[in-house]
C-alpha atoms as a PDB file:
ATOM      1  CA  UNK A   1      -5.625 -75.128 -63.297  1.00  0.00           C
ATOM      2  CA  UNK A   2      -2.347 -73.636 -62.106  1.00  0.00           C
ATOM      3  CA  UNK A   3      -2.522 -70.413 -60.118  1.00  0.00           C
ATOM      4  CA  UNK A   4      -0.850 -67.620 -62.123  1.00  0.00           C
ATOM      5  CA  UNK A   5       2.680 -66.817 -61.048  1.00  0.00           C
ATOM      6  CA  UNK A   6       3.814 -63.217 -60.755  1.00  0.00           C
ATOM      7  CA  UNK A   7       7.107 -62.290 -62.381  1.00  0.00           C
ATOM      8  CA  UNK A   8       9.314 -59.305 -63.151  1.00  0.00           C
ATOM      9  CA  UNK A   9      11.544 -58.688 -66.154  1.00  0.00           C
ATOM     10  CA  UNK A  10      14.807 -56.817 -65.820  1.00  0.00           C
ATOM     11  CA  UNK A  11      17.545 -55.354 -68.012  1.00  0.00           C
ATOM     12  CA  UNK A  12      20.488 -53.010 -67.515  1.00  0.00           C
ATOM     13  CA  UNK A  13      18.085 -50.356 -66.188  1.00  0.00           C
ATOM     14  CA  UNK A  14      17.222 -52.420 -63.121  1.00  0.00           C
ATOM     15  CA  UNK A  15      19.194 -53.669 -60.146  1.00  0.00           C
ATOM     16  CA  UNK A  16      21.192 -56.871 -60.006  1.00  0.00           C
ATOM     17  CA  UNK A  17      21.997 -57.613 -56.361  1.00  0.00           C
ATOM     18  CA  UNK A  18      20.660 -60.451 -54.249  1.00  0.00           C
ATOM     19  CA  UNK A  19      18.879 -57.905 -52.049  1.00  0.00           C
ATOM     20  CA  UNK A  20      17.224 -56.363 -55.126  1.00  0.00           C
ATOM     21  CA  UNK A  21      15.622 -59.680 -56.094  1.00  0.00           C
ATOM     22  CA  UNK A  22      14.844 -60.550 -52.468  1.00  0.00           C
ATOM     23  CA  UNK A  23      12.888 -57.300 -52.194  1.00  0.00           C
ATOM     24  CA  UNK A  24      10.677 -58.277 -55.124  1.00  0.00           C
ATOM     25  CA  UNK A  25      10.221 -61.762 -53.725  1.00  0.00           C
ATOM     26  CA  UNK A  26       8.968 -60.186 -50.495  1.00  0.00           C
ATOM     27  CA  UNK A  27       6.546 -58.101 -52.559  1.00  0.00           C
ATOM     28  CA  UNK A  28       5.136 -61.276 -54.093  1.00  0.00           C
ATOM     29  CA  UNK A  29       7.216 -62.014 -57.203  1.00  0.00           C
ATOM     30  CA  UNK A  30       7.729 -65.694 -58.002  1.00  0.00           C
ATOM     31  CA  UNK A  31      10.258 -65.450 -60.835  1.00  0.00           C
ATOM     32  CA  UNK A  32      12.349 -63.136 -63.009  1.00  0.00           C
ATOM     33  CA  UNK A  33      13.075 -62.868 -66.727  1.00  0.00           C
ATOM     34  CA  UNK A  34      16.478 -61.331 -67.505  1.00  0.00           C
ATOM     35  CA  UNK A  35      17.477 -59.574 -70.719  1.00  0.00           C
ATOM     36  CA  UNK A  36      20.615 -61.209 -72.084  1.00  0.00           C
ATOM     37  CA  UNK A  37      21.197 -59.854 -75.570  1.00  0.00           C
ATOM     38  CA  UNK A  38      20.005 -57.645 -78.419  1.00  0.00           C
ATOM     39  CA  UNK A  39      20.752 -57.901 -82.117  1.00  0.00           C
ATOM     40  CA  UNK A  40      24.099 -59.593 -82.754  1.00  0.00           C
ATOM     41  CA  UNK A  41      26.502 -57.477 -80.724  1.00  0.00           C
ATOM     42  CA  UNK A  42      24.842 -56.275 -77.497  1.00  0.00           C
ATOM     43  CA  UNK A  43      25.131 -58.027 -74.145  1.00  0.00           C
ATOM     44  CA  UNK A  44      23.344 -56.658 -71.081  1.00  0.00           C
ATOM     45  CA  UNK A  45      26.275 -55.650 -68.829  1.00  0.00           C
ATOM     46  CA  UNK A  46      24.304 -56.691 -65.748  1.00  0.00           C
ATOM     47  CA  UNK A  47      23.214 -60.037 -67.201  1.00  0.00           C
ATOM     48  CA  UNK A  48      25.743 -62.155 -65.325  1.00  0.00           C
ATOM     49  CA  UNK A  49      24.809 -60.764 -61.908  1.00  0.00           C
ATOM     50  CA  UNK A  50      21.086 -60.716 -62.673  1.00  0.00           C
ATOM     51  CA  UNK A  51      21.076 -64.322 -63.868  1.00  0.00           C
ATOM     52  CA  UNK A  52      23.177 -65.495 -60.917  1.00  0.00           C
ATOM     53  CA  UNK A  53      21.187 -63.658 -58.271  1.00  0.00           C
ATOM     54  CA  UNK A  54      17.785 -64.476 -59.743  1.00  0.00           C
ATOM     55  CA  UNK A  55      18.833 -68.117 -59.594  1.00  0.00           C
ATOM     56  CA  UNK A  56      19.858 -67.706 -55.954  1.00  0.00           C
ATOM     57  CA  UNK A  57      16.602 -66.007 -54.934  1.00  0.00           C
ATOM     58  CA  UNK A  58      13.969 -67.729 -57.088  1.00  0.00           C
ATOM     59  CA  UNK A  59      15.717 -71.028 -57.797  1.00  0.00           C
ATOM     60  CA  UNK A  60      15.419 -70.531 -61.553  1.00  0.00           C
ATOM     61  CA  UNK A  61      15.726 -67.852 -64.225  1.00  0.00           C
ATOM     62  CA  UNK A  62      14.257 -67.198 -67.672  1.00  0.00           C
ATOM     63  CA  UNK A  63      16.045 -65.004 -70.235  1.00  0.00           C
ATOM     64  CA  UNK A  64      15.116 -62.932 -73.271  1.00  0.00           C
ATOM     65  CA  UNK A  65      16.589 -61.461 -76.450  1.00  0.00           C
ATOM     66  CA  UNK A  66      15.488 -58.143 -77.987  1.00  0.00           C
ATOM     67  CA  UNK A  67      14.939 -58.947 -81.657  1.00  0.00           C
ATOM     68  CA  UNK A  68      15.984 -56.818 -84.665  1.00  0.00           C
ATOM     69  CA  UNK A  69      14.911 -59.153 -87.467  1.00  0.00           C
ATOM     70  CA  UNK A  70      17.921 -61.348 -88.343  1.00  0.00           C
ATOM     71  CA  UNK A  71      16.448 -64.675 -87.236  1.00  0.00           C
ATOM     72  CA  UNK A  72      19.207 -67.270 -87.307  1.00  0.00           C
ATOM     73  CA  UNK A  73      22.107 -64.876 -86.693  1.00  0.00           C
ATOM     74  CA  UNK A  74      20.461 -63.392 -83.607  1.00  0.00           C
ATOM     75  CA  UNK A  75      19.437 -66.809 -82.282  1.00  0.00           C
ATOM     76  CA  UNK A  76      23.053 -68.002 -82.560  1.00  0.00           C
ATOM     77  CA  UNK A  77      24.279 -64.952 -80.648  1.00  0.00           C
ATOM     78  CA  UNK A  78      21.609 -65.296 -77.949  1.00  0.00           C
ATOM     79  CA  UNK A  79      22.135 -69.018 -77.444  1.00  0.00           C
ATOM     80  CA  UNK A  80      25.918 -68.672 -77.322  1.00  0.00           C
ATOM     81  CA  UNK A  81      25.592 -66.305 -74.369  1.00  0.00           C
ATOM     82  CA  UNK A  82      22.936 -68.431 -72.696  1.00  0.00           C
ATOM     83  CA  UNK A  83      25.331 -71.377 -72.802  1.00  0.00           C
ATOM     84  CA  UNK A  84      28.244 -69.259 -71.580  1.00  0.00           C
ATOM     85  CA  UNK A  85      26.160 -68.384 -68.526  1.00  0.00           C
ATOM     86  CA  UNK A  86      25.617 -72.090 -67.884  1.00  0.00           C
ATOM     87  CA  UNK A  87      21.917 -72.062 -68.790  1.00  0.00           C
ATOM     88  CA  UNK A  88      20.941 -75.576 -69.828  1.00  0.00           C
ATOM     89  CA  UNK A  89      18.152 -76.634 -72.163  1.00  0.00           C
ATOM     90  CA  UNK A  90      15.494 -76.579 -69.442  1.00  0.00           C
ATOM     91  CA  UNK A  91      15.777 -72.766 -69.473  1.00  0.00           C
ATOM     92  CA  UNK A  92      12.924 -70.694 -70.895  1.00  0.00           C
ATOM     93  CA  UNK A  93      14.234 -68.572 -73.787  1.00  0.00           C
ATOM     94  CA  UNK A  94      12.138 -65.609 -74.948  1.00  0.00           C
ATOM     95  CA  UNK A  95      12.256 -63.621 -78.195  1.00  0.00           C
ATOM     96  CA  UNK A  96      11.123 -60.009 -77.596  1.00  0.00           C
ATOM     97  CA  UNK A  97       9.416 -58.859 -80.804  1.00  0.00           C
ATOM     98  CA  UNK A  98       8.645 -55.137 -80.589  1.00  0.00           C
ATOM     99  CA  UNK A  99      11.406 -53.144 -82.340  1.00  0.00           C
ATOM    100  CA  UNK A 100       9.810 -50.402 -84.493  1.00  0.00           C
ATOM    101  CA  UNK A 101      12.106 -51.159 -87.433  1.00  0.00           C
ATOM    102  CA  UNK A 102      10.894 -54.730 -87.883  1.00  0.00           C
ATOM    103  CA  UNK A 103       9.044 -55.485 -91.153  1.00  0.00           C
ATOM    104  CA  UNK A 104       5.273 -55.750 -90.891  1.00  0.00           C
ATOM    105  CA  UNK A 105       5.331 -59.493 -91.548  1.00  0.00           C
ATOM    106  CA  UNK A 106       8.029 -60.412 -89.085  1.00  0.00           C
ATOM    107  CA  UNK A 107       6.783 -63.969 -88.446  1.00  0.00           C
ATOM    108  CA  UNK A 108       9.148 -65.781 -90.895  1.00  0.00           C
ATOM    109  CA  UNK A 109      12.241 -64.399 -89.174  1.00  0.00           C
ATOM    110  CA  UNK A 110      10.760 -65.040 -85.730  1.00  0.00           C
ATOM    111  CA  UNK A 111      10.318 -68.651 -86.834  1.00  0.00           C
ATOM    112  CA  UNK A 112      13.931 -68.831 -88.023  1.00  0.00           C
ATOM    113  CA  UNK A 113      14.986 -67.668 -84.552  1.00  0.00           C
ATOM    114  CA  UNK A 114      12.741 -70.176 -82.774  1.00  0.00           C
ATOM    115  CA  UNK A 115      13.763 -73.079 -85.024  1.00  0.00           C
ATOM    116  CA  UNK A 116      17.437 -72.518 -84.297  1.00  0.00           C
ATOM    117  CA  UNK A 117      16.824 -72.702 -80.538  1.00  0.00           C
ATOM    118  CA  UNK A 118      14.539 -75.734 -80.806  1.00  0.00           C
ATOM    119  CA  UNK A 119      16.980 -77.587 -83.076  1.00  0.00           C
ATOM    120  CA  UNK A 120      19.704 -76.901 -80.519  1.00  0.00           C
ATOM    121  CA  UNK A 121      17.622 -78.686 -77.885  1.00  0.00           C
ATOM    122  CA  UNK A 122      16.185 -75.606 -76.181  1.00  0.00           C
ATOM    123  CA  UNK A 123      12.485 -76.339 -76.543  1.00  0.00           C
ATOM    124  CA  UNK A 124      11.038 -74.039 -73.874  1.00  0.00           C
ATOM    125  CA  UNK A 125      10.624 -70.987 -76.102  1.00  0.00           C
ATOM    126  CA  UNK A 126       8.191 -68.063 -75.871  1.00  0.00           C
ATOM    127  CA  UNK A 127       7.408 -65.160 -78.222  1.00  0.00           C
ATOM    128  CA  UNK A 128       6.768 -61.761 -76.605  1.00  0.00           C
ATOM    129  CA  UNK A 129       4.866 -58.948 -78.285  1.00  0.00           C
ATOM    130  CA  UNK A 130       2.117 -56.401 -77.760  1.00  0.00           C
ATOM    131  CA  UNK A 131      -1.504 -57.464 -77.994  1.00  0.00           C
ATOM    132  CA  UNK A 132      -1.947 -55.243 -81.035  1.00  0.00           C
ATOM    133  CA  UNK A 133       0.858 -57.019 -82.929  1.00  0.00           C
ATOM    134  CA  UNK A 134      -0.738 -60.409 -82.322  1.00  0.00           C
ATOM    135  CA  UNK A 135      -4.270 -59.239 -83.107  1.00  0.00           C
ATOM    136  CA  UNK A 136      -3.292 -57.384 -86.284  1.00  0.00           C
ATOM    137  CA  UNK A 137      -1.327 -60.345 -87.629  1.00  0.00           C
ATOM    138  CA  UNK A 138       2.017 -58.597 -87.482  1.00  0.00           C
ATOM    139  CA  UNK A 139       3.006 -61.624 -85.397  1.00  0.00           C
ATOM    140  CA  UNK A 140       0.950 -64.530 -86.746  1.00  0.00           C
ATOM    141  CA  UNK A 141       0.564 -66.892 -83.828  1.00  0.00           C
ATOM    142  CA  UNK A 142      -1.105 -69.541 -85.967  1.00  0.00           C
ATOM    143  CA  UNK A 143       2.020 -69.668 -88.150  1.00  0.00           C
ATOM    144  CA  UNK A 144       4.594 -69.737 -85.330  1.00  0.00           C
ATOM    145  CA  UNK A 145       6.561 -72.969 -85.008  1.00  0.00           C
ATOM    146  CA  UNK A 146       5.907 -72.724 -81.260  1.00  0.00           C
ATOM    147  CA  UNK A 147       2.626 -71.178 -80.122  1.00  0.00           C
ATOM    148  CA  UNK A 148       3.618 -70.076 -76.590  1.00  0.00           C
ATOM    149  CA  UNK A 149       3.167 -66.306 -76.336  1.00  0.00           C
ATOM    150  CA  UNK A 150       3.708 -63.566 -73.755  1.00  0.00           C
ATOM    151  CA  UNK A 151       1.394 -60.628 -74.430  1.00  0.00           C
ATOM    152  CA  UNK A 152       1.940 -57.008 -73.338  1.00  0.00           C
ATOM    153  CA  UNK A 153      -1.290 -55.104 -72.659  1.00  0.00           C
ATOM    154  CA  UNK A 154      -1.489 -52.325 -70.058  1.00  0.00           C
ATOM    155  CA  UNK A 155      -4.454 -50.619 -68.438  1.00  0.00           C
ATOM    156  CA  UNK A 156      -6.868 -53.440 -69.253  1.00  0.00           C
ATOM    157  CA  UNK A 157      -8.419 -56.310 -67.302  1.00  0.00           C
ATOM    158  CA  UNK A 158      -7.093 -59.116 -69.528  1.00  0.00           C
ATOM    159  CA  UNK A 159      -4.401 -59.637 -72.171  1.00  0.00           C
ATOM    160  CA  UNK A 160      -6.876 -59.404 -75.062  1.00  0.00           C
ATOM    161  CA  UNK A 161      -5.361 -62.337 -76.975  1.00  0.00           C
ATOM    162  CA  UNK A 162      -7.123 -65.679 -76.627  1.00  0.00           C
ATOM    163  CA  UNK A 163      -5.222 -68.298 -74.628  1.00  0.00           C
ATOM    164  CA  UNK A 164      -2.144 -66.162 -74.018  1.00  0.00           C
ATOM    165  CA  UNK A 165       0.351 -68.096 -71.911  1.00  0.00           C
ATOM    166  CA  UNK A 166       1.596 -65.031 -70.052  1.00  0.00           C
ATOM    167  CA  UNK A 167       0.492 -61.402 -69.728  1.00  0.00           C
ATOM    168  CA  UNK A 168       2.689 -58.375 -69.053  1.00  0.00           C
ATOM    169  CA  UNK A 169       0.035 -56.207 -67.425  1.00  0.00           C
ATOM    170  CA  UNK A 170       2.118 -53.207 -66.341  1.00  0.00           C
ATOM    171  CA  UNK A 171       5.418 -51.431 -66.903  1.00  0.00           C
ATOM    172  CA  UNK A 172       5.385 -50.023 -63.375  1.00  0.00           C
ATOM    173  CA  UNK A 173       4.913 -52.561 -60.604  1.00  0.00           C
ATOM    174  CA  UNK A 174       7.086 -51.081 -57.887  1.00  0.00           C
ATOM    175  CA  UNK A 175       9.177 -49.617 -60.717  1.00  0.00           C
ATOM    176  CA  UNK A 176       9.499 -52.679 -62.957  1.00  0.00           C
ATOM    177  CA  UNK A 177       7.552 -54.512 -65.667  1.00  0.00           C
ATOM    178  CA  UNK A 178       5.381 -57.243 -64.177  1.00  0.00           C
ATOM    179  CA  UNK A 179       3.602 -60.225 -65.704  1.00  0.00           C
ATOM    180  CA  UNK A 180       1.276 -63.079 -64.873  1.00  0.00           C
ATOM    181  CA  UNK A 181       2.401 -66.511 -66.036  1.00  0.00           C
ATOM    182  CA  UNK A 182      -0.806 -68.503 -66.468  1.00  0.00           C
ATOM    183  CA  UNK A 183       0.544 -71.983 -67.138  1.00  0.00           C
ATOM    184  CA  UNK A 184       4.231 -72.063 -66.240  1.00  0.00           C
ATOM    185  CA  UNK A 185       5.444 -71.413 -69.795  1.00  0.00           C
ATOM    186  CA  UNK A 186       7.302 -68.215 -68.883  1.00  0.00           C
ATOM    187  CA  UNK A 187       8.582 -69.091 -65.428  1.00  0.00           C
ATOM    188  CA  UNK A 188       9.586 -72.610 -66.418  1.00  0.00           C
ATOM    189  CA  UNK A 189       7.319 -74.272 -63.874  1.00  0.00           C
ATOM    190  CA  UNK A 190       4.991 -76.103 -66.269  1.00  0.00           C
ATOM    191  CA  UNK A 191       4.846 -79.891 -66.303  1.00  0.00           C
ATOM    192  CA  UNK A 192       6.325 -79.892 -69.814  1.00  0.00           C
ATOM    193  CA  UNK A 193       9.314 -77.852 -68.724  1.00  0.00           C
ATOM    194  CA  UNK A 194       9.894 -80.018 -65.695  1.00  0.00           C
ATOM    195  CA  UNK A 195      10.059 -83.097 -67.894  1.00  0.00           C
ATOM    196  CA  UNK A 196      12.566 -81.348 -70.143  1.00  0.00           C
ATOM    197  CA  UNK A 197      15.054 -80.652 -67.370  1.00  0.00           C
ATOM    198  CA  UNK A 198      18.367 -82.400 -67.970  1.00  0.00           C
ATOM    199  CA  UNK A 199      20.087 -84.619 -65.443  1.00  0.00           C
ATOM    200  CA  UNK A 200      23.167 -83.627 -63.433  1.00  0.00           C
ATOM    201  CA  UNK A 201      25.848 -85.695 -61.763  1.00  0.00           C
ATOM    202  CA  UNK A 202      25.947 -85.219 -57.987  1.00  0.00           C
ATOM    203  CA  UNK A 203      28.790 -87.596 -57.159  1.00  0.00           C
ATOM    204  CA  UNK A 204      32.459 -87.003 -56.430  1.00  0.00           C
ATOM    205  CA  UNK A 205      34.761 -88.978 -58.701  1.00  0.00           C
ATOM    206  CA  UNK A 206      36.488 -89.335 -62.052  1.00  0.00           C
ATOM    207  CA  UNK A 207      34.640 -87.799 -65.006  1.00  0.00           C
ATOM    208  CA  UNK A 208      35.120 -88.044 -68.751  1.00  0.00           C
ATOM    209  CA  UNK A 209      34.163 -85.218 -71.141  1.00  0.00           C
ATOM    210  CA  UNK A 210      31.642 -86.448 -73.749  1.00  0.00           C
ATOM    211  CA  UNK A 211      30.914 -83.052 -75.353  1.00  0.00           C
ATOM    212  CA  UNK A 212      33.283 -81.648 -78.008  1.00  0.00           C
ATOM    213  CA  UNK A 213      34.773 -79.494 -75.272  1.00  0.00           C
ATOM    214  CA  UNK A 214      33.800 -78.050 -71.904  1.00  0.00           C
ATOM    215  CA  UNK A 215      34.845 -74.664 -70.542  1.00  0.00           C
ATOM    216  CA  UNK A 216      36.460 -74.110 -67.146  1.00  0.00           C
ATOM    217  CA  UNK A 217      35.436 -71.205 -64.896  1.00  0.00           C
ATOM    218  CA  UNK A 218      36.963 -69.563 -61.865  1.00  0.00           C
ATOM    219  CA  UNK A 219      33.605 -69.203 -60.115  1.00  0.00           C
ATOM    220  CA  UNK A 220      30.660 -71.545 -59.638  1.00  0.00           C
ATOM    221  CA  UNK A 221      28.258 -69.302 -61.623  1.00  0.00           C
ATOM    222  CA  UNK A 222      30.096 -70.276 -64.857  1.00  0.00           C
ATOM    223  CA  UNK A 223      29.801 -66.720 -66.194  1.00  0.00           C
ATOM    224  CA  UNK A 224      31.848 -65.378 -69.097  1.00  0.00           C
ATOM    225  CA  UNK A 225      33.780 -62.920 -66.932  1.00  0.00           C
ATOM    226  CA  UNK A 226      35.378 -65.813 -65.028  1.00  0.00           C
ATOM    227  CA  UNK A 227      35.932 -68.221 -67.915  1.00  0.00           C
ATOM    228  CA  UNK A 228      39.519 -69.483 -67.884  1.00  0.00           C
ATOM    229  CA  UNK A 229      41.732 -69.877 -70.915  1.00  0.00           C
ATOM    230  CA  UNK A 230      41.958 -73.603 -70.426  1.00  0.00           C
ATOM    231  CA  UNK A 231      39.221 -76.068 -71.395  1.00  0.00           C
ATOM    232  CA  UNK A 232      38.788 -79.826 -71.521  1.00  0.00           C
ATOM    233  CA  UNK A 233      38.322 -81.565 -74.879  1.00  0.00           C
ATOM    234  CA  UNK A 234      36.270 -84.669 -75.623  1.00  0.00           C
ATOM    235  CA  UNK A 235      37.787 -87.735 -73.984  1.00  0.00           C
ATOM    236  CA  UNK A 236      39.560 -85.806 -71.222  1.00  0.00           C
ATOM    237  CA  UNK A 237      39.278 -87.235 -67.720  1.00  0.00           C
ATOM    238  CA  UNK A 238      39.080 -85.102 -64.594  1.00  0.00           C
ATOM    239  CA  UNK A 239      38.741 -85.778 -60.891  1.00  0.00           C
ATOM    240  CA  UNK A 240      36.182 -83.498 -59.292  1.00  0.00           C
ATOM    241  CA  UNK A 241      33.784 -82.801 -56.444  1.00  0.00           C
ATOM    242  CA  UNK A 242      30.077 -82.238 -57.175  1.00  0.00           C
ATOM    243  CA  UNK A 243      28.854 -78.956 -55.691  1.00  0.00           C
ATOM    244  CA  UNK A 244      25.184 -77.908 -55.640  1.00  0.00           C
ATOM    245  CA  UNK A 245      24.351 -74.515 -57.176  1.00  0.00           C
ATOM    246  CA  UNK A 246      20.677 -73.595 -56.945  1.00  0.00           C
ATOM    247  CA  UNK A 247      18.822 -76.533 -58.494  1.00  0.00           C
ATOM    248  CA  UNK A 248      21.789 -77.763 -60.531  1.00  0.00           C
ATOM    249  CA  UNK A 249      25.295 -79.062 -59.900  1.00  0.00           C
ATOM    250  CA  UNK A 250      28.797 -78.029 -60.888  1.00  0.00           C
ATOM    251  CA  UNK A 251      31.980 -80.090 -60.689  1.00  0.00           C
ATOM    252  CA  UNK A 252      34.823 -78.461 -58.799  1.00  0.00           C
ATOM    253  CA  UNK A 253      38.190 -79.524 -60.220  1.00  0.00           C
ATOM    254  CA  UNK A 254      41.755 -78.567 -59.358  1.00  0.00           C
ATOM    255  CA  UNK A 255      41.691 -75.896 -62.076  1.00  0.00           C
ATOM    256  CA  UNK A 256      38.155 -74.519 -61.673  1.00  0.00           C
ATOM    257  CA  UNK A 257      34.475 -75.315 -62.096  1.00  0.00           C
ATOM    258  CA  UNK A 258      32.790 -77.149 -64.963  1.00  0.00           C
ATOM    259  CA  UNK A 259      29.169 -78.117 -65.644  1.00  0.00           C
ATOM    260  CA  UNK A 260      27.893 -81.409 -64.190  1.00  0.00           C
ATOM    261  CA  UNK A 261      25.296 -81.762 -66.971  1.00  0.00           C
ATOM    262  CA  UNK A 262      25.141 -85.406 -68.085  1.00  0.00           C
ATOM    263  CA  UNK A 263      25.045 -84.246 -71.711  1.00  0.00           C
ATOM    264  CA  UNK A 264      28.576 -82.864 -71.284  1.00  0.00           C
ATOM    265  CA  UNK A 265      30.351 -85.287 -68.922  1.00  0.00           C
ATOM    266  CA  UNK A 266      29.941 -88.842 -67.677  1.00  0.00           C
ATOM    267  CA  UNK A 267      30.982 -90.410 -64.407  1.00  0.00           C
ATOM    268  CA  UNK A 268      33.678 -93.016 -64.936  1.00  0.00           C
ATOM    269  CA  UNK A 269      34.343 -93.949 -61.318  1.00  0.00           C
ATOM    270  CA  UNK A 270      33.062 -92.748 -57.963  1.00  0.00           C
ATOM    271  CA  UNK A 271      35.627 -91.595 -55.445  1.00  0.00           C
ATOM    272  CA  UNK A 272      36.683 -94.507 -53.286  1.00  0.00           C
ATOM    273  CA  UNK A 273      34.823 -97.082 -55.372  1.00  0.00           C
ATOM    274  CA  UNK A 274      34.010 -98.464 -58.804  1.00  0.00           C
END
């Protein structure tokens, strides 16, 4: 059995610097979950820095969306931002189901949200909710298209939901929410998630774009704030240098950085050779 990992979750109310995450790592945190979006028009203004610096400190990052009930529309919005931040399909994506205005039977729309992500190739998905919502059937785990759950239950000795994958046990661990990840589902360290990680090119050379298009960024983090107006379309060829960024690679070109994900580009010729 895996030893539980300790994680924090952060939003615009928390810090975003490298030192902020380093402090929690020193206190014993193993990972972080960052709020990206809410509804269909809110983006956490600190998301870019929190994602980037969590990646630097912990080597990975998980992200979540605060759900308001519009399954497919909200999933599209969430995933669009996840991709803009350069988060590939090995990333753990969480739907936060707790808004008071949600209908009692919210499971069908939660499933619509999850299906959209899964169909887009993002299969490491988790549903977050309070223990009472799961136990009352407001979120019907047995009916979810993916059964991985993250349960919030404070002031108790266990999550109170059988076989919960992760447990948010407090909203005040050194000032932040803290959780135990029992099997790697939330932190992205499970064997299943490791197998799902995509491959990256790590070679300097000539690349061809195989995706419909690929964005160009002014900084290696590939965040929206530094996305350039230019992009490369399918079939374009570019000379570039592979640069390591955390556990992944980017390709540095004459006009900026692009992803080195093998789903987006292919190596045509190594520099100085065939």
